Amino acid sequence: MTQDSNQAIAAESGANRRNLLRGIGLSIGTVGLTAMAMQTASAQTPAGSAGSLEMKSAGTLAALTAKLTGIPRRRDFKTVPMILTSPDQWDSEALDALIAYRGGPKQVWDNTVIESPWLNLMRNALNAQVWSWKHPDFLAVSATHGTAHLALYDQMIWDKYKLADVTKGKFASNTLIDVPAAAAVDAADFNNPAGAFSPAANSITVLQNRGVVFVGCHNAVWEFSAALLKNGVNPDNLSHEALAAELTNHLIPGVVLSPGVVGTLPELQKAGFDYAV
């Protein structure tokens, strides 16, 4: 075999090796990109465990949810005063955990009107933060007072104190704590216009399953109990202090009672919560 032939064979062999290595490199790169894409998709997929609609990648938010779930709320009051002066009169441990949240971004909504689009606005903010801005640990908090606070009482209180009349017929019952059928739609289909993340799922309970925290207001409890007394809606002839206690004892599960949300808003803002209204 001539020297020229040997050189030609060597050149061809080298080219084949280079092509093979390039092919292997491309395959590895393709696999890596595919894995990254799958990991990102998985991170933006709802966990779907135990009714949770939080993202799998929302570890900090999930930790807060678990912590708040494990903190008992005192709901055995006999009487409560107009101004709370001791942490054992409100959900101080849960409120402290909320204020100390280190995930983010975090936003607090000043919600006052039950028939306003308050749940829809929080849902929209949550959707944009999670999927558009890729912030799975985004925390939305409802600083709830005014007539919006009526939605934080259970149905027993609605029936006993005729809260439907207070809403002037806008709500026949507390439908805002219902779990709509949309919440059962496959959570992986997050763009479904009739799914768990759509307007069809505007519910306090559904938002709580997404990590939203509803903060209740003692001042709203006290002032509403005064309005009930003024209107003669007091079937058990309770004192003001006892009626306010009964309302407090029937806040829906998950609510974090504050000594007053207007006075608590500055504490949340100092902790880095952005104010929304």
Protein backbone atom coordinates (compact mmCIF):
# COMPACT_ATOMS: atom_id res chain seq x y z
CA MET A 1 0.00 0.00 0.00
CA THR A 2 1.44 3.40 -0.95
CA GLN A 3 2.12 6.24 1.47
CA ASP A 4 -0.61 8.32 -0.21
CA SER A 5 -3.12 5.50 0.33
CA ASN A 6 -2.19 5.23 4.01
CA GLN A 7 -2.63 8.97 4.44
CA ALA A 8 -6.03 8.88 2.75
CA ILE A 9 -7.23 6.03 4.99
CA ALA A 10 -5.99 7.83 8.11
CA ALA A 11 -7.72 11.03 7.06
CA GLU A 12 -10.98 9.21 6.41
CA SER A 13 -10.72 7.41 9.76
CA GLY A 14 -10.09 10.70 11.58
CA ALA A 15 -13.07 12.30 9.87
CA ASN A 16 -15.27 9.38 10.86
CA ARG A 17 -14.14 9.68 14.49
CA ARG A 18 -14.82 13.43 14.47
CA ASN A 19 -18.29 12.91 12.98
CA LEU A 20 -19.01 10.21 15.55
CA LEU A 21 -17.94 12.45 18.43
CA ARG A 22 -19.99 15.32 17.05
CA GLY A 23 -22.97 12.98 16.81
CA ILE A 24 -22.49 11.79 20.39
CA GLY A 25 -22.13 15.38 21.56
CA LEU A 26 -25.30 16.40 19.76
CA SER A 27 -27.18 13.47 21.29
CA ILE A 28 -25.94 14.30 24.77
CA GLY A 29 -26.86 17.95 24.25
CA THR A 30 -30.30 17.00 22.96
CA VAL A 31 -30.87 14.70 25.92
CA GLY A 32 -29.71 17.43 28.28
CA LEU A 33 -32.02 20.03 26.76
CA THR A 34 -34.90 17.57 26.81
CA ALA A 35 -34.24 16.76 30.45
CA MET A 36 -34.11 20.46 31.31
CA ALA A 37 -37.38 21.05 29.49
CA MET A 38 -39.01 18.13 31.29
CA GLN A 39 -37.69 19.37 34.63
CA THR A 40 -39.07 22.87 33.98
CA ALA A 41 -42.43 21.47 32.94
CA SER A 42 -42.53 19.30 36.04
CA ALA A 43 -41.68 22.27 38.24
CA GLN A 44 -44.63 24.19 36.82
CA THR A 45 -47.06 21.30 37.27
CA PRO A 46 -49.37 21.27 40.28
CA ALA A 47 -48.47 18.76 42.94
CA GLY A 48 -52.01 17.43 43.08
CA SER A 49 -51.52 15.73 46.44
CA ALA A 50 -54.08 15.93 49.23
CA GLY A 51 -56.08 18.48 47.29
CA SER A 52 -53.10 20.81 46.93
CA LEU A 53 -52.85 22.90 43.78
CA GLU A 54 -49.44 24.33 44.66
CA MET A 55 -46.58 23.79 42.21
CA LYS A 56 -44.19 20.89 42.73
CA SER A 57 -41.32 23.37 42.75
CA ALA A 58 -42.96 25.60 45.37
CA GLY A 59 -41.00 24.14 48.26
CA THR A 60 -40.92 27.29 50.36
CA LEU A 61 -44.65 27.89 49.90
CA ALA A 62 -45.42 24.24 50.66
CA ALA A 63 -43.39 24.52 53.87
CA LEU A 64 -45.40 27.57 54.92
CA THR A 65 -48.68 25.81 54.11
CA ALA A 66 -47.64 22.78 56.13
CA LYS A 67 -46.56 24.97 59.03
CA LEU A 68 -49.81 26.95 59.06
CA THR A 69 -51.82 23.73 58.83
CA GLY A 70 -50.02 22.39 61.88
CA ILE A 71 -50.61 25.49 64.00
CA PRO A 72 -53.86 25.23 65.97
CA ARG A 73 -56.27 28.17 65.97
CA ARG A 74 -58.03 29.04 69.19
CA ARG A 75 -61.76 28.83 68.56
CA ASP A 76 -63.15 28.30 72.05
CA PHE A 77 -63.68 31.88 73.15
CA LYS A 78 -66.47 32.64 75.60
CA THR A 79 -66.04 36.40 75.31
CA VAL A 80 -63.63 38.75 73.54
CA PRO A 81 -63.02 42.46 74.20
CA MET A 82 -63.19 45.33 71.72
CA ILE A 83 -59.40 45.77 71.61
CA LEU A 84 -57.21 42.68 71.80
CA THR A 85 -54.19 43.11 74.06
CA SER A 86 -52.73 39.61 74.40
CA PRO A 87 -51.37 37.33 71.62
CA ASP A 88 -53.52 34.46 72.90
CA GLN A 89 -56.56 36.44 71.76
CA TRP A 90 -55.63 36.13 68.07
CA ASP A 91 -53.76 33.60 65.89
CA SER A 92 -50.39 35.05 66.84
CA GLU A 93 -48.25 32.00 66.05
CA ALA A 94 -49.78 31.57 62.59
CA LEU A 95 -49.59 35.31 61.92
CA ASP A 96 -45.93 35.40 62.95
CA ALA A 97 -45.18 32.50 60.60
CA LEU A 98 -46.89 34.36 57.78
CA ILE A 99 -44.96 37.57 58.46
CA ALA A 100 -41.70 35.61 58.59
CA TYR A 101 -42.22 33.98 55.15
CA ARG A 102 -38.94 34.13 53.21
CA GLY A 103 -40.24 33.03 49.84
CA GLY A 104 -41.58 35.38 47.26
CA PRO A 105 -42.66 37.54 45.74
CA LYS A 106 -45.42 38.17 48.28
CA GLN A 107 -48.47 40.36 47.94
CA VAL A 108 -51.20 41.39 50.37
CA TRP A 109 -54.63 42.35 49.07
CA ASP A 110 -56.86 44.81 50.93
CA ASN A 111 -60.23 43.11 50.39
CA THR A 112 -63.37 44.83 51.71
CA VAL A 113 -66.39 44.11 49.45
CA ILE A 114 -67.86 40.62 49.22
CA GLU A 115 -69.47 41.14 45.79
CA SER A 116 -66.32 42.67 44.29
CA PRO A 117 -64.02 40.59 42.02
CA TRP A 118 -61.55 40.09 44.88
CA LEU A 119 -61.13 36.33 44.44
CA ASN A 120 -60.77 36.70 40.69
CA LEU A 121 -58.06 39.36 41.06
CA MET A 122 -56.03 37.21 43.43
CA ARG A 123 -56.42 34.21 41.11
CA ASN A 124 -55.22 36.25 38.13
CA ALA A 125 -52.22 37.55 40.08
CA LEU A 126 -51.36 34.03 41.16
CA ASN A 127 -51.59 32.65 37.63
CA ALA A 128 -49.36 35.37 36.17
CA GLN A 129 -46.77 35.04 38.93
CA VAL A 130 -46.60 31.25 38.75
CA TRP A 131 -46.71 30.63 35.01
CA SER A 132 -45.76 33.91 33.34
CA TRP A 133 -43.07 35.14 35.74
CA LYS A 134 -42.05 31.64 36.92
CA HIS A 135 -42.40 32.38 40.64
CA PRO A 136 -43.92 29.19 42.09
CA ASP A 137 -43.29 30.40 45.66
CA PHE A 138 -45.39 33.53 45.14
CA LEU A 139 -47.60 34.13 48.18
CA ALA A 140 -50.91 35.97 48.02
CA VAL A 141 -52.55 37.10 51.26
CA SER A 142 -56.06 38.45 51.67
CA ALA A 143 -56.32 41.14 54.35
CA THR A 144 -60.05 40.65 54.75
CA HIS A 145 -62.49 43.09 56.35
CA GLY A 146 -65.68 44.99 55.50
CA THR A 147 -68.41 42.89 53.92
CA ALA A 148 -65.76 40.58 52.43
CA HIS A 149 -65.28 39.31 55.97
CA LEU A 150 -68.73 37.69 55.82
CA ALA A 151 -67.21 35.08 53.49
CA LEU A 152 -64.92 33.94 56.31
CA TYR A 153 -67.81 32.71 58.49
CA ASP A 154 -69.11 29.17 58.18
CA GLN A 155 -72.61 28.34 56.98
CA MET A 156 -73.90 27.86 60.51
CA ILE A 157 -73.27 31.53 61.25
CA TRP A 158 -74.80 32.50 57.91
CA ASP A 159 -77.96 30.61 58.79
CA LYS A 160 -78.20 31.64 62.44
CA TYR A 161 -77.60 35.35 61.87
CA LYS A 162 -79.25 35.61 58.45
CA LEU A 163 -76.16 36.88 56.67
CA ALA A 164 -77.86 36.47 53.30
CA ASP A 165 -80.05 39.43 54.33
CA VAL A 166 -76.93 41.45 55.09
CA THR A 167 -75.78 40.95 51.48
CA LYS A 168 -79.19 42.21 50.29
CA GLY A 169 -79.81 39.05 48.31
CA LYS A 170 -76.47 39.01 46.48
CA PHE A 171 -75.63 35.73 48.24
CA ALA A 172 -78.23 33.21 49.39
CA SER A 173 -75.52 31.28 51.24
CA ASN A 174 -71.75 31.41 51.58
CA THR A 175 -71.04 30.05 48.12
CA LEU A 176 -67.55 31.56 48.23
CA ILE A 177 -66.34 28.63 50.34
CA ASP A 178 -67.86 26.00 48.04
CA VAL A 179 -65.57 23.77 45.97
CA PRO A 180 -66.73 24.18 42.36
CA ALA A 181 -66.66 21.33 39.86
CA ALA A 182 -63.85 23.12 38.00
CA ALA A 183 -61.50 22.35 40.88
CA ALA A 184 -61.67 18.65 39.97
CA VAL A 185 -60.48 19.19 36.38
CA ASP A 186 -57.03 17.72 35.70
CA ALA A 187 -54.66 20.22 37.30
CA ALA A 188 -51.99 19.49 34.70
CA ASP A 189 -54.23 21.20 32.14
CA PHE A 190 -53.62 24.59 33.71
CA ASN A 191 -54.72 26.49 30.59
CA ASN A 192 -58.17 24.90 30.58
CA PRO A 193 -60.64 27.86 30.48
CA ALA A 194 -63.01 25.85 32.65
CA GLY A 195 -60.39 24.25 34.89
CA ALA A 196 -58.96 24.63 38.38
CA PHE A 197 -57.10 27.84 37.55
CA SER A 198 -59.93 29.52 35.62
CA PRO A 199 -62.67 31.95 36.69
CA ALA A 200 -64.86 28.87 37.16
CA ALA A 201 -62.79 28.10 40.27
CA ASN A 202 -63.01 31.46 42.03
CA SER A 203 -63.42 30.04 45.52
CA ILE A 204 -61.77 30.73 48.86
CA THR A 205 -61.25 27.00 49.36
CA VAL A 206 -59.62 26.54 45.95
CA LEU A 207 -57.34 29.53 46.51
CA GLN A 208 -56.36 28.16 49.91
CA ASN A 209 -55.38 24.92 48.15
CA ARG A 210 -53.08 27.05 45.99
CA GLY A 211 -51.36 28.52 49.06
CA VAL A 212 -53.36 31.75 49.41
CA VAL A 213 -53.79 32.81 53.04
CA PHE A 214 -56.92 34.60 54.23
CA VAL A 215 -56.31 36.85 57.23
CA GLY A 216 -59.35 37.65 59.33
CA CYS A 217 -59.98 40.85 61.26
CA HIS A 218 -61.04 41.08 64.91
CA ASN A 219 -62.21 44.65 64.38
CA ALA A 220 -64.53 43.44 61.61
CA VAL A 221 -65.87 40.76 63.96
CA TRP A 222 -66.50 43.28 66.73
CA GLU A 223 -68.17 45.86 64.49
CA PHE A 224 -70.34 43.30 62.72
CA SER A 225 -71.51 41.88 66.03
CA ALA A 226 -72.44 45.44 67.03
CA ALA A 227 -74.48 45.77 63.83
CA LEU A 228 -76.29 42.50 64.58
CA LEU A 229 -77.16 43.73 68.08
CA LYS A 230 -78.39 47.05 66.72
CA ASN A 231 -80.66 45.26 64.25
CA GLY A 232 -82.00 42.90 66.89
CA VAL A 233 -80.47 39.78 65.32
CA ASN A 234 -79.40 38.04 68.51
CA PRO A 235 -81.36 34.80 68.98
CA ASP A 236 -79.44 33.74 72.10
CA ASN A 237 -79.53 37.19 73.73
CA LEU A 238 -75.75 37.27 73.94
CA SER A 239 -73.68 40.17 75.19
CA HIS A 240 -71.57 42.04 72.67
CA GLU A 241 -68.45 40.28 73.95
CA ALA A 242 -70.08 36.84 73.74
CA LEU A 243 -71.54 37.42 70.27
CA ALA A 244 -68.16 38.53 68.95
CA ALA A 245 -66.66 35.39 70.48
CA GLU A 246 -69.18 33.16 68.72
CA LEU A 247 -68.42 34.77 65.36
CA THR A 248 -64.70 34.28 66.00
CA ASN A 249 -65.22 30.63 66.88
CA HIS A 250 -66.92 30.05 63.52
CA LEU A 251 -64.29 31.40 61.16
CA ILE A 252 -63.73 28.90 58.36
CA PRO A 253 -60.72 26.52 58.51
CA GLY A 254 -57.39 28.02 57.52
CA VAL A 255 -58.21 31.62 58.39
CA VAL A 256 -55.52 33.47 60.35
CA LEU A 257 -57.19 35.83 62.80
CA SER A 258 -55.41 39.15 63.32
CA PRO A 259 -56.11 41.77 66.02
CA GLY A 260 -57.16 43.99 63.11
CA VAL A 261 -56.07 43.79 59.48
CA VAL A 262 -55.67 47.54 58.94
CA GLY A 263 -53.25 47.57 61.84
CA THR A 264 -51.59 44.38 60.61
CA LEU A 265 -51.00 45.64 57.06
CA PRO A 266 -47.96 47.72 58.15
CA GLU A 267 -46.42 44.62 59.74
CA LEU A 268 -46.81 42.72 56.48
CA GLN A 269 -45.45 45.62 54.44
CA LYS A 270 -42.42 45.92 56.73
CA ALA A 271 -41.81 42.23 56.05
CA GLY A 272 -41.73 42.85 52.28
CA PHE A 273 -45.32 42.27 51.22
CA ASP A 274 -46.44 44.44 48.30
CA TYR A 275 -49.77 46.18 48.89
CA ALA A 276 -52.60 45.64 46.41
CA VAL A 277 -56.16 46.89 46.49
